[in-house]
Amino acid sequence: MITVTRLNGKTFSLNAIYIETVESFPDTTITLTNGKKYVVRESHEEVTANVETFYMRIALLGKVKAEEDEDGE
């Protein structure tokens, strides 16, 4: 889950696995795989960084593999 902020200032958590696109119109708009859209205060870069961090935390982006390579295993 990532935490984002609606334009009205309220924060909420979003399951990053279901994010299909992140666009700037100039407001950042997140579209989920079910077609639901959220407009958030965070920049496109912030959302992308948060999604990447989430993926690494749940081992979808190879963090575990990278750590294994450093250990020589």
Protein backbone atom coordinates (compact mmCIF):
# COMPACT_ATOMS: atom_id res chain seq x y z
CA MET A 1 0.00 0.00 0.00
CA ILE A 2 1.09 3.56 -0.67
CA THR A 3 -0.29 6.65 1.02
CA VAL A 4 -1.41 9.54 -1.16
CA THR A 5 -3.29 12.79 -0.57
CA ARG A 6 -6.51 13.89 -2.26
CA LEU A 7 -6.71 17.50 -3.44
CA ASN A 8 -8.90 18.28 -0.39
CA GLY A 9 -6.02 17.28 1.92
CA LYS A 10 -7.31 13.90 3.09
CA THR A 11 -4.84 11.05 2.92
CA PHE A 12 -5.68 7.49 1.99
CA SER A 13 -3.89 4.25 1.21
CA LEU A 14 -3.94 2.69 -2.21
CA ASN A 15 -2.86 -0.81 -3.19
CA ALA A 16 -0.06 -0.09 -5.65
CA ILE A 17 -0.42 -3.48 -7.31
CA TYR A 18 -3.62 -2.25 -8.95
CA ILE A 19 -2.12 0.94 -10.43
CA GLU A 20 -2.22 0.87 -14.21
CA THR A 21 -1.09 4.43 -15.04
CA VAL A 22 0.15 7.58 -13.34
CA GLU A 23 -0.28 10.76 -15.38
CA SER A 24 0.10 14.51 -14.88
CA PHE A 25 -2.62 16.72 -16.40
CA PRO A 26 -1.03 18.88 -14.55
CA ASP A 27 -2.64 17.29 -11.47
CA THR A 28 -1.36 13.79 -10.85
CA THR A 29 -4.00 11.23 -11.80
CA ILE A 30 -3.70 7.58 -10.81
CA THR A 31 -5.75 5.09 -12.82
CA LEU A 32 -6.34 1.63 -11.40
CA THR A 33 -6.78 -1.56 -13.39
CA ASN A 34 -10.55 -1.40 -12.74
CA GLY A 35 -10.74 2.06 -14.38
CA LYS A 36 -11.19 4.05 -11.14
CA LYS A 37 -9.22 7.31 -11.11
CA TYR A 38 -7.78 9.28 -8.23
CA VAL A 39 -6.41 12.83 -8.47
CA VAL A 40 -3.71 13.37 -5.85
CA ARG A 41 -1.45 16.16 -4.58
CA GLU A 42 1.77 14.14 -4.89
CA SER A 43 3.84 14.63 -8.03
CA HIS A 44 4.19 11.94 -10.68
CA GLU A 45 7.77 11.36 -9.46
CA GLU A 46 6.68 10.98 -5.82
CA VAL A 47 4.00 8.44 -6.70
CA THR A 48 6.41 6.49 -8.90
CA ALA A 49 9.05 6.44 -6.16
CA ASN A 50 6.49 5.29 -3.58
CA VAL A 51 5.30 2.50 -5.89
CA GLU A 52 8.88 1.35 -6.51
CA THR A 53 9.57 1.34 -2.76
CA PHE A 54 6.38 -0.67 -2.19
CA TYR A 55 7.36 -3.18 -4.87
CA MET A 56 10.82 -3.59 -3.32
CA ARG A 57 9.28 -4.02 0.13
CA ILE A 58 7.15 -6.91 -1.12
CA ALA A 59 10.01 -8.26 -3.28
CA LEU A 60 8.47 -7.56 -6.71
CA LEU A 61 11.39 -5.50 -8.01
CA GLY A 62 14.35 -7.71 -7.26
CA LYS A 63 15.57 -6.17 -4.01
CA VAL A 64 16.00 -9.67 -2.61
CA LYS A 65 17.95 -10.72 -5.73
CA ALA A 66 20.18 -7.62 -5.52
CA GLU A 67 20.94 -8.33 -1.86
CA GLU A 68 21.74 -11.97 -2.66
CA ASP A 69 24.15 -10.88 -5.40
CA GLU A 70 25.98 -8.59 -2.95
CA ASP A 71 26.32 -11.47 -0.47
CA GLY A 72 27.66 -13.75 -3.19
CA GLU A 73 24.87 -16.26 -2.80
